[in-house]
Amino acid sequence: MSELKEGEAAEDHPHHLRGYLLAAGAAVLWGFSGVITKFMLNRQMEPGELLIFRTTLAAAILFAWLGLTSPELLRVRLKDLPYFALLGAIGLVANQGFYYLALTMVSVGYALLLQYLAPVFLMVYGVLSGTERMTGGKVIAGALAVGGSVSMVLGQPGGLARMSLGGTLAALGSAVGFAFYSGYGKYGLRRYNPRTMMTYAFLFAGMMWAVIRPLWTLPWGSYDLQAYGLFLYLAVVATVLPFGLFLGSLRYLEPSRSSLTSMLEPVVAAFVAWLWLGEKMSGIQIAGGAAVLGGVMLLQMERMLRARILMRDLGRAGR
């Protein structure tokens, strides 16, 4: 397994382009899953039902997959179990739980707007902790991505409606949860394969959701074949694959860069909702989506430009 050495700057990893592609792939899958989740909620399903099925099925699939293909990846040190429990409790349960809680008190747009502050939290933490270097490209890309997300929210009907203190705190809690998953997840990649980390994080998250919403309290008789198919889709396509891609991107990129790239999610979700659900996209939403895309592209262009400058300086020094 190709891992980052301790102290190595992620942004200097030779396969940084692979990291951007992995993070973008995660954003695309999350964008599709957001539309599927909205479709299921429109069928009068409760958020707790979706979360328990999504998490427990993901954990079961990951354990079965690794057990059959790479059983050695299931071996972890006992003293690292608290790490996985914390990653699952805050990075997954808090992130998803607070987001759904926010949706019961504020509009979807307002909740998403605050959740998209996660890259900003990561950037500030990285600079303060000395684990990331602040660059002008990052600042401009972050401003474009966050500003574009704001435009997409403002462009939809009722984008900032139903604001409340409780909903605001819940949405911020979701943003902190995702930021924690990104930063704390990168720490574990020094020792474990991303598949190992996902498996145990989802195991502990599933155990917590089973306590919060016991399986015997679910309305089993109301689920038809289509519902079970959608549950399986959420577990595999909306959970295992994107979270795996995002963790994989952290092997090559700094957490803030991966997180900023994942902000392509609302762009994808809006486009899919326009195609499938017939939702309209206003001019300000289209402009916001373009700004997000521009911010992500700027991250890559800035990295390539700095690499060229470094090579030029090394060439001059060797003369």
C-alpha atoms as a PDB file:
ATOM      1  CA  MET A   1       0.000   0.000   0.000  1.00  0.00           C
ATOM      2  CA  SER A   2       1.322   3.418  -0.983  1.00  0.00           C
ATOM      3  CA  GLU A   3       1.128   5.598   2.118  1.00  0.00           C
ATOM      4  CA  LEU A   4       2.273   9.078   2.977  1.00  0.00           C
ATOM      5  CA  LYS A   5       5.295   9.169   5.206  1.00  0.00           C
ATOM      6  CA  GLU A   6       4.909  11.051   8.432  1.00  0.00           C
ATOM      7  CA  GLY A   7       5.699  14.688   7.891  1.00  0.00           C
ATOM      8  CA  GLU A   8       5.325  14.468   4.104  1.00  0.00           C
ATOM      9  CA  ALA A   9       3.239  17.249   2.603  1.00  0.00           C
ATOM     10  CA  ALA A  10       0.219  15.709   0.985  1.00  0.00           C
ATOM     11  CA  GLU A  11       0.068  18.369  -1.675  1.00  0.00           C
ATOM     12  CA  ASP A  12       3.564  17.330  -2.847  1.00  0.00           C
ATOM     13  CA  HIS A  13       2.519  13.718  -3.381  1.00  0.00           C
ATOM     14  CA  PRO A  14       3.345  12.659  -6.975  1.00  0.00           C
ATOM     15  CA  HIS A  15      -0.188  11.312  -7.520  1.00  0.00           C
ATOM     16  CA  HIS A  16      -2.039  14.449  -6.429  1.00  0.00           C
ATOM     17  CA  LEU A  17      -4.157  14.388  -9.627  1.00  0.00           C
ATOM     18  CA  ARG A  18      -5.432  10.977  -8.572  1.00  0.00           C
ATOM     19  CA  GLY A  19      -6.490  12.524  -5.267  1.00  0.00           C
ATOM     20  CA  TYR A  20      -8.544  15.225  -7.004  1.00  0.00           C
ATOM     21  CA  LEU A  21     -10.226  12.633  -9.223  1.00  0.00           C
ATOM     22  CA  LEU A  22     -11.075  10.448  -6.217  1.00  0.00           C
ATOM     23  CA  ALA A  23     -12.568  13.398  -4.299  1.00  0.00           C
ATOM     24  CA  ALA A  24     -14.509  14.507  -7.379  1.00  0.00           C
ATOM     25  CA  GLY A  25     -15.821  10.958  -7.828  1.00  0.00           C
ATOM     26  CA  ALA A  26     -17.041  10.967  -4.233  1.00  0.00           C
ATOM     27  CA  ALA A  27     -18.810  14.293  -4.831  1.00  0.00           C
ATOM     28  CA  VAL A  28     -20.568  12.928  -7.923  1.00  0.00           C
ATOM     29  CA  LEU A  29     -21.860   9.874  -6.047  1.00  0.00           C
ATOM     30  CA  TRP A  30     -22.941  11.983  -3.054  1.00  0.00           C
ATOM     31  CA  GLY A  31     -24.712  14.348  -5.436  1.00  0.00           C
ATOM     32  CA  PHE A  32     -26.692  11.479  -6.958  1.00  0.00           C
ATOM     33  CA  SER A  33     -27.450  10.055  -3.511  1.00  0.00           C
ATOM     34  CA  GLY A  34     -28.850  13.376  -2.324  1.00  0.00           C
ATOM     35  CA  VAL A  35     -31.535  13.188  -5.001  1.00  0.00           C
ATOM     36  CA  ILE A  36     -32.280   9.545  -4.134  1.00  0.00           C
ATOM     37  CA  THR A  37     -32.561  10.463  -0.442  1.00  0.00           C
ATOM     38  CA  LYS A  38     -34.954  13.283  -1.260  1.00  0.00           C
ATOM     39  CA  PHE A  39     -37.040  10.868  -3.341  1.00  0.00           C
ATOM     40  CA  MET A  40     -37.245   8.424  -0.415  1.00  0.00           C
ATOM     41  CA  LEU A  41     -38.105  11.152   2.091  1.00  0.00           C
ATOM     42  CA  ASN A  42     -40.894  12.203  -0.265  1.00  0.00           C
ATOM     43  CA  ARG A  43     -42.260   8.669   0.204  1.00  0.00           C
ATOM     44  CA  GLN A  44     -42.816   9.549   3.876  1.00  0.00           C
ATOM     45  CA  MET A  45     -39.798   7.641   5.155  1.00  0.00           C
ATOM     46  CA  GLU A  46     -38.198   8.968   8.320  1.00  0.00           C
ATOM     47  CA  PRO A  47     -34.546  10.086   8.294  1.00  0.00           C
ATOM     48  CA  GLY A  48     -33.768   7.608  11.080  1.00  0.00           C
ATOM     49  CA  GLU A  49     -34.898   4.727   8.886  1.00  0.00           C
ATOM     50  CA  LEU A  50     -32.569   5.751   6.080  1.00  0.00           C
ATOM     51  CA  LEU A  51     -29.619   6.242   8.415  1.00  0.00           C
ATOM     52  CA  ILE A  52     -29.921   2.885  10.175  1.00  0.00           C
ATOM     53  CA  PHE A  53     -30.245   0.944   6.904  1.00  0.00           C
ATOM     54  CA  ARG A  54     -27.561   2.979   5.155  1.00  0.00           C
ATOM     55  CA  THR A  55     -24.996   2.519   7.921  1.00  0.00           C
ATOM     56  CA  THR A  56     -25.623  -1.068   9.021  1.00  0.00           C
ATOM     57  CA  LEU A  57     -25.869  -2.394   5.470  1.00  0.00           C
ATOM     58  CA  ALA A  58     -22.654  -0.564   4.567  1.00  0.00           C
ATOM     59  CA  ALA A  59     -20.842  -2.146   7.530  1.00  0.00           C
ATOM     60  CA  ALA A  60     -22.151  -5.637   6.653  1.00  0.00           C
ATOM     61  CA  ILE A  61     -21.164  -5.273   2.990  1.00  0.00           C
ATOM     62  CA  LEU A  62     -17.673  -4.048   3.875  1.00  0.00           C
ATOM     63  CA  PHE A  63     -17.059  -6.892   6.331  1.00  0.00           C
ATOM     64  CA  ALA A  64     -18.288  -9.499   3.834  1.00  0.00           C
ATOM     65  CA  TRP A  65     -16.239  -7.960   1.019  1.00  0.00           C
ATOM     66  CA  LEU A  66     -12.984  -7.823   2.977  1.00  0.00           C
ATOM     67  CA  GLY A  67     -13.599 -11.209   4.561  1.00  0.00           C
ATOM     68  CA  LEU A  68     -13.848 -12.806   1.106  1.00  0.00           C
ATOM     69  CA  THR A  69     -11.199 -10.819  -0.756  1.00  0.00           C
ATOM     70  CA  SER A  70      -8.661  -9.455   1.746  1.00  0.00           C
ATOM     71  CA  PRO A  71      -9.183 -10.954   5.219  1.00  0.00           C
ATOM     72  CA  GLU A  72      -5.807  -9.618   6.349  1.00  0.00           C
ATOM     73  CA  LEU A  73      -7.257  -6.087   6.174  1.00  0.00           C
ATOM     74  CA  LEU A  74      -9.700  -6.960   8.974  1.00  0.00           C
ATOM     75  CA  ARG A  75      -6.851  -7.335  11.444  1.00  0.00           C
ATOM     76  CA  VAL A  76      -6.409  -4.236  13.596  1.00  0.00           C
ATOM     77  CA  ARG A  77      -4.692  -3.544  16.887  1.00  0.00           C
ATOM     78  CA  LEU A  78      -6.961  -3.606  19.918  1.00  0.00           C
ATOM     79  CA  LYS A  79      -5.572  -0.299  21.124  1.00  0.00           C
ATOM     80  CA  ASP A  80      -6.731   1.307  17.848  1.00  0.00           C
ATOM     81  CA  LEU A  81     -10.391   0.358  18.332  1.00  0.00           C
ATOM     82  CA  PRO A  82     -11.122   3.613  20.220  1.00  0.00           C
ATOM     83  CA  TYR A  83      -9.777   5.479  17.192  1.00  0.00           C
ATOM     84  CA  PHE A  84     -12.252   3.731  14.882  1.00  0.00           C
ATOM     85  CA  ALA A  85     -15.068   4.236  17.393  1.00  0.00           C
ATOM     86  CA  LEU A  86     -14.373   7.973  17.521  1.00  0.00           C
ATOM     87  CA  LEU A  87     -14.102   8.199  13.724  1.00  0.00           C
ATOM     88  CA  GLY A  88     -17.477   6.478  13.382  1.00  0.00           C
ATOM     89  CA  ALA A  89     -19.170   8.367  16.219  1.00  0.00           C
ATOM     90  CA  ILE A  90     -18.149  11.899  15.214  1.00  0.00           C
ATOM     91  CA  GLY A  91     -17.168  11.554  11.579  1.00  0.00           C
ATOM     92  CA  LEU A  92     -20.230   9.530  10.565  1.00  0.00           C
ATOM     93  CA  VAL A  93     -22.973   9.527  13.203  1.00  0.00           C
ATOM     94  CA  ALA A  94     -22.594  13.183  14.192  1.00  0.00           C
ATOM     95  CA  ASN A  95     -22.134  14.321  10.602  1.00  0.00           C
ATOM     96  CA  GLN A  96     -25.220  12.536   9.255  1.00  0.00           C
ATOM     97  CA  GLY A  97     -27.338  12.747  12.412  1.00  0.00           C
ATOM     98  CA  PHE A  98     -26.881  16.482  12.928  1.00  0.00           C
ATOM     99  CA  TYR A  99     -27.592  17.099   9.252  1.00  0.00           C
ATOM    100  CA  TYR A 100     -30.918  15.260   9.361  1.00  0.00           C
ATOM    101  CA  LEU A 101     -31.750  16.934  12.669  1.00  0.00           C
ATOM    102  CA  ALA A 102     -31.084  20.315  11.063  1.00  0.00           C
ATOM    103  CA  LEU A 103     -33.498  19.439   8.255  1.00  0.00           C
ATOM    104  CA  THR A 104     -36.316  19.147  10.801  1.00  0.00           C
ATOM    105  CA  MET A 105     -35.730  22.742  11.941  1.00  0.00           C
ATOM    106  CA  VAL A 106     -34.392  24.681   8.942  1.00  0.00           C
ATOM    107  CA  SER A 107     -34.604  24.532   5.166  1.00  0.00           C
ATOM    108  CA  VAL A 108     -32.423  22.169   3.153  1.00  0.00           C
ATOM    109  CA  GLY A 109     -30.601  25.102   1.574  1.00  0.00           C
ATOM    110  CA  TYR A 110     -29.716  26.710   4.894  1.00  0.00           C
ATOM    111  CA  ALA A 111     -28.491  23.397   6.337  1.00  0.00           C
ATOM    112  CA  LEU A 112     -26.330  22.744   3.267  1.00  0.00           C
ATOM    113  CA  LEU A 113     -24.955  26.271   3.343  1.00  0.00           C
ATOM    114  CA  LEU A 114     -23.591  25.784   6.863  1.00  0.00           C
ATOM    115  CA  GLN A 115     -22.387  22.272   6.118  1.00  0.00           C
ATOM    116  CA  TYR A 116     -20.269  23.622   3.267  1.00  0.00           C
ATOM    117  CA  LEU A 117     -18.207  25.533   5.828  1.00  0.00           C
ATOM    118  CA  ALA A 118     -16.365  22.271   6.593  1.00  0.00           C
ATOM    119  CA  PRO A 119     -13.486  23.053   4.169  1.00  0.00           C
ATOM    120  CA  VAL A 120     -13.022  26.426   5.852  1.00  0.00           C
ATOM    121  CA  PHE A 121     -12.815  24.740   9.265  1.00  0.00           C
ATOM    122  CA  LEU A 122     -10.232  22.302   7.884  1.00  0.00           C
ATOM    123  CA  MET A 123      -8.151  25.048   6.322  1.00  0.00           C
ATOM    124  CA  VAL A 124      -8.076  27.082   9.543  1.00  0.00           C
ATOM    125  CA  TYR A 125      -7.229  24.002  11.612  1.00  0.00           C
ATOM    126  CA  GLY A 126      -4.500  22.954   9.165  1.00  0.00           C
ATOM    127  CA  VAL A 127      -2.816  26.354   9.330  1.00  0.00           C
ATOM    128  CA  LEU A 128      -3.073  26.641  13.114  1.00  0.00           C
ATOM    129  CA  SER A 129      -1.774  23.099  13.672  1.00  0.00           C
ATOM    130  CA  GLY A 130       1.013  23.480  11.128  1.00  0.00           C
ATOM    131  CA  THR A 131      -0.167  20.496   9.056  1.00  0.00           C
ATOM    132  CA  GLU A 132      -1.035  22.589   5.992  1.00  0.00           C
ATOM    133  CA  ARG A 133       0.474  25.517   4.143  1.00  0.00           C
ATOM    134  CA  MET A 134      -1.777  28.449   3.376  1.00  0.00           C
ATOM    135  CA  THR A 135      -1.511  29.591  -0.228  1.00  0.00           C
ATOM    136  CA  GLY A 136      -3.221  32.290  -2.235  1.00  0.00           C
ATOM    137  CA  GLY A 137      -4.681  29.640  -4.515  1.00  0.00           C
ATOM    138  CA  LYS A 138      -6.344  27.893  -1.587  1.00  0.00           C
ATOM    139  CA  VAL A 139      -7.871  31.111  -0.310  1.00  0.00           C
ATOM    140  CA  ILE A 140      -9.248  32.094  -3.714  1.00  0.00           C
ATOM    141  CA  ALA A 141     -10.464  28.552  -4.461  1.00  0.00           C
ATOM    142  CA  GLY A 142     -12.143  28.367  -1.052  1.00  0.00           C
ATOM    143  CA  ALA A 143     -13.836  31.725  -1.586  1.00  0.00           C
ATOM    144  CA  LEU A 144     -15.070  30.652  -5.030  1.00  0.00           C
ATOM    145  CA  ALA A 145     -16.369  27.285  -3.787  1.00  0.00           C
ATOM    146  CA  VAL A 146     -18.102  28.660  -0.682  1.00  0.00           C
ATOM    147  CA  GLY A 147     -19.432  31.673  -2.592  1.00  0.00           C
ATOM    148  CA  GLY A 148     -20.698  29.407  -5.352  1.00  0.00           C
ATOM    149  CA  SER A 149     -22.464  27.203  -2.813  1.00  0.00           C
ATOM    150  CA  VAL A 150     -24.087  30.283  -1.265  1.00  0.00           C
ATOM    151  CA  SER A 151     -25.311  31.334  -4.717  1.00  0.00           C
ATOM    152  CA  MET A 152     -26.765  27.885  -5.355  1.00  0.00           C
ATOM    153  CA  VAL A 153     -28.617  28.018  -2.043  1.00  0.00           C
ATOM    154  CA  LEU A 154     -29.908  31.553  -2.574  1.00  0.00           C
ATOM    155  CA  GLY A 155     -31.035  30.635  -6.066  1.00  0.00           C
ATOM    156  CA  GLN A 156     -33.477  27.953  -4.944  1.00  0.00           C
ATOM    157  CA  PRO A 157     -36.954  28.699  -3.558  1.00  0.00           C
ATOM    158  CA  GLY A 158     -36.894  29.216   0.221  1.00  0.00           C
ATOM    159  CA  GLY A 159     -33.119  28.819   0.301  1.00  0.00           C
ATOM    160  CA  LEU A 160     -32.614  30.617   3.625  1.00  0.00           C
ATOM    161  CA  ALA A 161     -36.081  30.130   5.049  1.00  0.00           C
ATOM    162  CA  ARG A 162     -36.903  28.761   8.516  1.00  0.00           C
ATOM    163  CA  MET A 163     -33.697  29.852  10.209  1.00  0.00           C
ATOM    164  CA  SER A 164     -33.457  28.965  13.910  1.00  0.00           C
ATOM    165  CA  LEU A 165     -30.766  28.748  16.571  1.00  0.00           C
ATOM    166  CA  GLY A 166     -31.242  25.011  17.083  1.00  0.00           C
ATOM    167  CA  GLY A 167     -31.144  24.298  13.348  1.00  0.00           C
ATOM    168  CA  THR A 168     -28.078  26.493  12.923  1.00  0.00           C
ATOM    169  CA  LEU A 169     -26.197  24.678  15.689  1.00  0.00           C
ATOM    170  CA  ALA A 170     -27.198  21.277  14.267  1.00  0.00           C
ATOM    171  CA  ALA A 171     -26.016  22.218  10.757  1.00  0.00           C
ATOM    172  CA  LEU A 172     -22.728  23.534  12.145  1.00  0.00           C
ATOM    173  CA  GLY A 173     -22.380  20.277  14.085  1.00  0.00           C
ATOM    174  CA  SER A 174     -22.740  18.391  10.814  1.00  0.00           C
ATOM    175  CA  ALA A 175     -20.014  20.546   9.240  1.00  0.00           C
ATOM    176  CA  VAL A 176     -17.703  19.900  12.188  1.00  0.00           C
ATOM    177  CA  GLY A 177     -18.428  16.168  11.881  1.00  0.00           C
ATOM    178  CA  PHE A 178     -17.398  16.109   8.224  1.00  0.00           C
ATOM    179  CA  ALA A 179     -14.316  18.197   8.922  1.00  0.00           C
ATOM    180  CA  PHE A 180     -13.415  15.763  11.711  1.00  0.00           C
ATOM    181  CA  TYR A 181     -13.882  12.778   9.373  1.00  0.00           C
ATOM    182  CA  SER A 182     -11.522  14.386   6.857  1.00  0.00           C
ATOM    183  CA  GLY A 183      -8.787  15.444   9.276  1.00  0.00           C
ATOM    184  CA  TYR A 184      -8.956  12.521  11.707  1.00  0.00           C
ATOM    185  CA  GLY A 185      -9.361  10.059   8.848  1.00  0.00           C
ATOM    186  CA  LYS A 186      -6.104  11.204   7.285  1.00  0.00           C
ATOM    187  CA  TYR A 187      -4.302  10.471  10.546  1.00  0.00           C
ATOM    188  CA  GLY A 188      -5.383   6.812  10.405  1.00  0.00           C
ATOM    189  CA  LEU A 189      -4.160   6.389   6.826  1.00  0.00           C
ATOM    190  CA  ARG A 190      -0.595   6.373   8.148  1.00  0.00           C
ATOM    191  CA  ARG A 191      -1.212   2.867   9.471  1.00  0.00           C
ATOM    192  CA  TYR A 192      -4.326   1.381   7.852  1.00  0.00           C
ATOM    193  CA  ASN A 193      -5.773   0.791   4.419  1.00  0.00           C
ATOM    194  CA  PRO A 194      -8.802   3.012   3.619  1.00  0.00           C
ATOM    195  CA  ARG A 195     -10.988  -0.102   3.358  1.00  0.00           C
ATOM    196  CA  THR A 196     -10.023  -1.167   6.866  1.00  0.00           C
ATOM    197  CA  MET A 197     -10.800   2.278   8.246  1.00  0.00           C
ATOM    198  CA  MET A 198     -14.174   2.434   6.506  1.00  0.00           C
ATOM    199  CA  THR A 199     -15.187  -1.016   7.688  1.00  0.00           C
ATOM    200  CA  TYR A 200     -14.560  -0.369  11.366  1.00  0.00           C
ATOM    201  CA  ALA A 201     -15.815   3.217  11.290  1.00  0.00           C
ATOM    202  CA  PHE A 202     -19.119   2.064   9.801  1.00  0.00           C
ATOM    203  CA  LEU A 203     -19.259  -0.867  12.227  1.00  0.00           C
ATOM    204  CA  PHE A 204     -19.151   1.463  15.227  1.00  0.00           C
ATOM    205  CA  ALA A 205     -21.486   3.952  13.522  1.00  0.00           C
ATOM    206  CA  GLY A 206     -23.969   1.164  12.799  1.00  0.00           C
ATOM    207  CA  MET A 207     -23.812   0.000  16.419  1.00  0.00           C
ATOM    208  CA  MET A 208     -24.580   3.534  17.597  1.00  0.00           C
ATOM    209  CA  TRP A 209     -27.530   3.916  15.207  1.00  0.00           C
ATOM    210  CA  ALA A 210     -28.859   0.522  16.349  1.00  0.00           C
ATOM    211  CA  VAL A 211     -28.954   1.922  19.887  1.00  0.00           C
ATOM    212  CA  ILE A 212     -30.474   5.243  18.800  1.00  0.00           C
ATOM    213  CA  ARG A 213     -33.056   3.569  16.542  1.00  0.00           C
ATOM    214  CA  PRO A 214     -33.414  -0.145  17.497  1.00  0.00           C
ATOM    215  CA  LEU A 215     -34.156  -2.440  14.569  1.00  0.00           C
ATOM    216  CA  TRP A 216     -37.376  -3.776  16.120  1.00  0.00           C
ATOM    217  CA  THR A 217     -38.883  -0.285  16.082  1.00  0.00           C
ATOM    218  CA  LEU A 218     -38.715  -0.049  12.281  1.00  0.00           C
ATOM    219  CA  PRO A 219     -41.955  -0.438  10.248  1.00  0.00           C
ATOM    220  CA  TRP A 220     -40.823  -3.597   8.454  1.00  0.00           C
ATOM    221  CA  GLY A 221     -44.265  -4.285   7.002  1.00  0.00           C
ATOM    222  CA  SER A 222     -44.322  -1.014   5.071  1.00  0.00           C
ATOM    223  CA  TYR A 223     -41.228  -1.745   2.959  1.00  0.00           C
ATOM    224  CA  ASP A 224     -41.694  -3.115  -0.550  1.00  0.00           C
ATOM    225  CA  LEU A 225     -39.119  -4.526  -2.967  1.00  0.00           C
ATOM    226  CA  GLN A 226     -38.353  -1.072  -4.366  1.00  0.00           C
ATOM    227  CA  ALA A 227     -37.647   0.269  -0.871  1.00  0.00           C
ATOM    228  CA  TYR A 228     -35.154  -2.511  -0.159  1.00  0.00           C
ATOM    229  CA  GLY A 229     -33.495  -1.840  -3.507  1.00  0.00           C
ATOM    230  CA  LEU A 230     -33.131   1.843  -2.613  1.00  0.00           C
ATOM    231  CA  PHE A 231     -31.754   0.937   0.827  1.00  0.00           C
ATOM    232  CA  LEU A 232     -29.123  -1.216  -0.894  1.00  0.00           C
ATOM    233  CA  TYR A 233     -28.349   1.634  -3.290  1.00  0.00           C
ATOM    234  CA  LEU A 234     -27.833   4.043  -0.385  1.00  0.00           C
ATOM    235  CA  ALA A 235     -25.535   1.574   1.360  1.00  0.00           C
ATOM    236  CA  VAL A 236     -23.355   0.807  -1.663  1.00  0.00           C
ATOM    237  CA  VAL A 237     -23.462   3.699  -4.137  1.00  0.00           C
ATOM    238  CA  ALA A 238     -24.194   6.525  -1.685  1.00  0.00           C
ATOM    239  CA  THR A 239     -22.046   5.319   1.213  1.00  0.00           C
ATOM    240  CA  VAL A 240     -19.395   2.626   0.653  1.00  0.00           C
ATOM    241  CA  LEU A 241     -18.160   3.904  -2.711  1.00  0.00           C
ATOM    242  CA  PRO A 242     -18.069   7.683  -2.068  1.00  0.00           C
ATOM    243  CA  PHE A 243     -16.674   7.429   1.459  1.00  0.00           C
ATOM    244  CA  GLY A 244     -14.045   5.028   0.125  1.00  0.00           C
ATOM    245  CA  LEU A 245     -13.147   7.394  -2.711  1.00  0.00           C
ATOM    246  CA  PHE A 246     -12.940  10.339  -0.331  1.00  0.00           C
ATOM    247  CA  LEU A 247     -10.710   8.473   2.120  1.00  0.00           C
ATOM    248  CA  GLY A 248      -8.569   7.408  -0.830  1.00  0.00           C
ATOM    249  CA  SER A 249      -8.164  11.047  -1.875  1.00  0.00           C
ATOM    250  CA  LEU A 250      -6.758  11.851   1.571  1.00  0.00           C
ATOM    251  CA  ARG A 251      -3.768   9.631   0.788  1.00  0.00           C
ATOM    252  CA  TYR A 252      -2.678  12.142  -1.853  1.00  0.00           C
ATOM    253  CA  LEU A 253      -4.160  15.498  -0.789  1.00  0.00           C
ATOM    254  CA  GLU A 254      -4.420  17.716   2.242  1.00  0.00           C
ATOM    255  CA  PRO A 255      -7.836  17.434   3.962  1.00  0.00           C
ATOM    256  CA  SER A 256      -8.841  20.967   2.946  1.00  0.00           C
ATOM    257  CA  ARG A 257      -8.140  20.256  -0.737  1.00  0.00           C
ATOM    258  CA  SER A 258     -10.137  17.009  -0.664  1.00  0.00           C
ATOM    259  CA  SER A 259     -12.971  18.722   1.157  1.00  0.00           C
ATOM    260  CA  LEU A 260     -13.039  21.670  -1.243  1.00  0.00           C
ATOM    261  CA  THR A 261     -13.133  19.294  -4.212  1.00  0.00           C
ATOM    262  CA  SER A 262     -16.059  17.411  -2.652  1.00  0.00           C
ATOM    263  CA  MET A 263     -18.042  20.646  -2.807  1.00  0.00           C
ATOM    264  CA  LEU A 264     -18.893  19.611  -6.359  1.00  0.00           C
ATOM    265  CA  GLU A 265     -21.681  17.639  -4.653  1.00  0.00           C
ATOM    266  CA  PRO A 266     -24.347  20.407  -4.752  1.00  0.00           C
ATOM    267  CA  VAL A 267     -23.551  21.088  -8.409  1.00  0.00           C
ATOM    268  CA  VAL A 268     -24.114  17.434  -9.288  1.00  0.00           C
ATOM    269  CA  ALA A 269     -27.227  17.214  -7.093  1.00  0.00           C
ATOM    270  CA  ALA A 270     -28.786  20.298  -8.696  1.00  0.00           C
ATOM    271  CA  PHE A 271     -28.071  18.990 -12.194  1.00  0.00           C
ATOM    272  CA  VAL A 272     -29.526  15.535 -11.450  1.00  0.00           C
ATOM    273  CA  ALA A 273     -32.586  17.058  -9.768  1.00  0.00           C
ATOM    274  CA  TRP A 274     -33.081  19.201 -12.873  1.00  0.00           C
ATOM    275  CA  LEU A 275     -32.914  16.137 -15.140  1.00  0.00           C
ATOM    276  CA  TRP A 276     -34.837  13.658 -12.984  1.00  0.00           C
ATOM    277  CA  LEU A 277     -37.145  15.560 -10.649  1.00  0.00           C
ATOM    278  CA  GLY A 278     -37.859  18.414 -13.029  1.00  0.00           C
ATOM    279  CA  GLU A 279     -36.546  21.062 -10.634  1.00  0.00           C
ATOM    280  CA  LYS A 280     -35.631  24.392 -12.194  1.00  0.00           C
ATOM    281  CA  MET A 281     -32.180  25.967 -12.070  1.00  0.00           C
ATOM    282  CA  SER A 282     -32.055  29.745 -11.861  1.00  0.00           C
ATOM    283  CA  GLY A 283     -29.341  31.926 -13.331  1.00  0.00           C
ATOM    284  CA  ILE A 284     -27.774  32.509  -9.918  1.00  0.00           C
ATOM    285  CA  GLN A 285     -27.623  28.743  -9.327  1.00  0.00           C
ATOM    286  CA  ILE A 286     -25.889  28.186 -12.651  1.00  0.00           C
ATOM    287  CA  ALA A 287     -23.407  30.959 -11.827  1.00  0.00           C
ATOM    288  CA  GLY A 288     -22.839  29.418  -8.385  1.00  0.00           C
ATOM    289  CA  GLY A 289     -22.180  26.015  -9.912  1.00  0.00           C
ATOM    290  CA  ALA A 290     -19.671  27.572 -12.306  1.00  0.00           C
ATOM    291  CA  ALA A 291     -17.922  29.244  -9.354  1.00  0.00           C
ATOM    292  CA  VAL A 292     -17.616  25.918  -7.506  1.00  0.00           C
ATOM    293  CA  LEU A 293     -16.195  24.265 -10.624  1.00  0.00           C
ATOM    294  CA  GLY A 294     -13.806  27.188 -11.042  1.00  0.00           C
ATOM    295  CA  GLY A 295     -12.594  26.873  -7.464  1.00  0.00           C
ATOM    296  CA  VAL A 296     -11.890  23.155  -7.857  1.00  0.00           C
ATOM    297  CA  MET A 297     -10.068  23.728 -11.146  1.00  0.00           C
ATOM    298  CA  LEU A 298      -8.031  26.523  -9.556  1.00  0.00           C
ATOM    299  CA  LEU A 299      -6.786  24.134  -6.861  1.00  0.00           C
ATOM    300  CA  GLN A 300      -5.368  21.851  -9.532  1.00  0.00           C
ATOM    301  CA  MET A 301      -3.955  24.686 -11.675  1.00  0.00           C
ATOM    302  CA  GLU A 302      -2.310  26.272  -8.644  1.00  0.00           C
ATOM    303  CA  ARG A 303      -0.625  22.981  -7.753  1.00  0.00           C
ATOM    304  CA  MET A 304       0.636  22.501 -11.312  1.00  0.00           C
ATOM    305  CA  LEU A 305       1.940  26.085 -11.475  1.00  0.00           C
ATOM    306  CA  ARG A 306       3.834  25.749  -8.193  1.00  0.00           C
ATOM    307  CA  ALA A 307       5.325  22.451  -9.406  1.00  0.00           C
ATOM    308  CA  ARG A 308       6.569  24.130 -12.590  1.00  0.00           C
ATOM    309  CA  ILE A 309       8.098  27.021 -10.618  1.00  0.00           C
ATOM    310  CA  LEU A 310       9.829  24.537  -8.322  1.00  0.00           C
ATOM    311  CA  MET A 311      11.243  22.586 -11.270  1.00  0.00           C
ATOM    312  CA  ARG A 312      12.440  25.820 -12.883  1.00  0.00           C
ATOM    313  CA  ASP A 313      14.180  26.929  -9.681  1.00  0.00           C
ATOM    314  CA  LEU A 314      15.812  23.522  -9.286  1.00  0.00           C
ATOM    315  CA  GLY A 315      17.014  23.715 -12.882  1.00  0.00           C
ATOM    316  CA  ARG A 316      18.570  27.119 -12.308  1.00  0.00           C
ATOM    317  CA  ALA A 317      20.224  25.934  -9.105  1.00  0.00           C
ATOM    318  CA  GLY A 318      21.774  22.991 -10.947  1.00  0.00           C
ATOM    319  CA  ARG A 319      23.448  25.166 -13.563  1.00  0.00           C
END
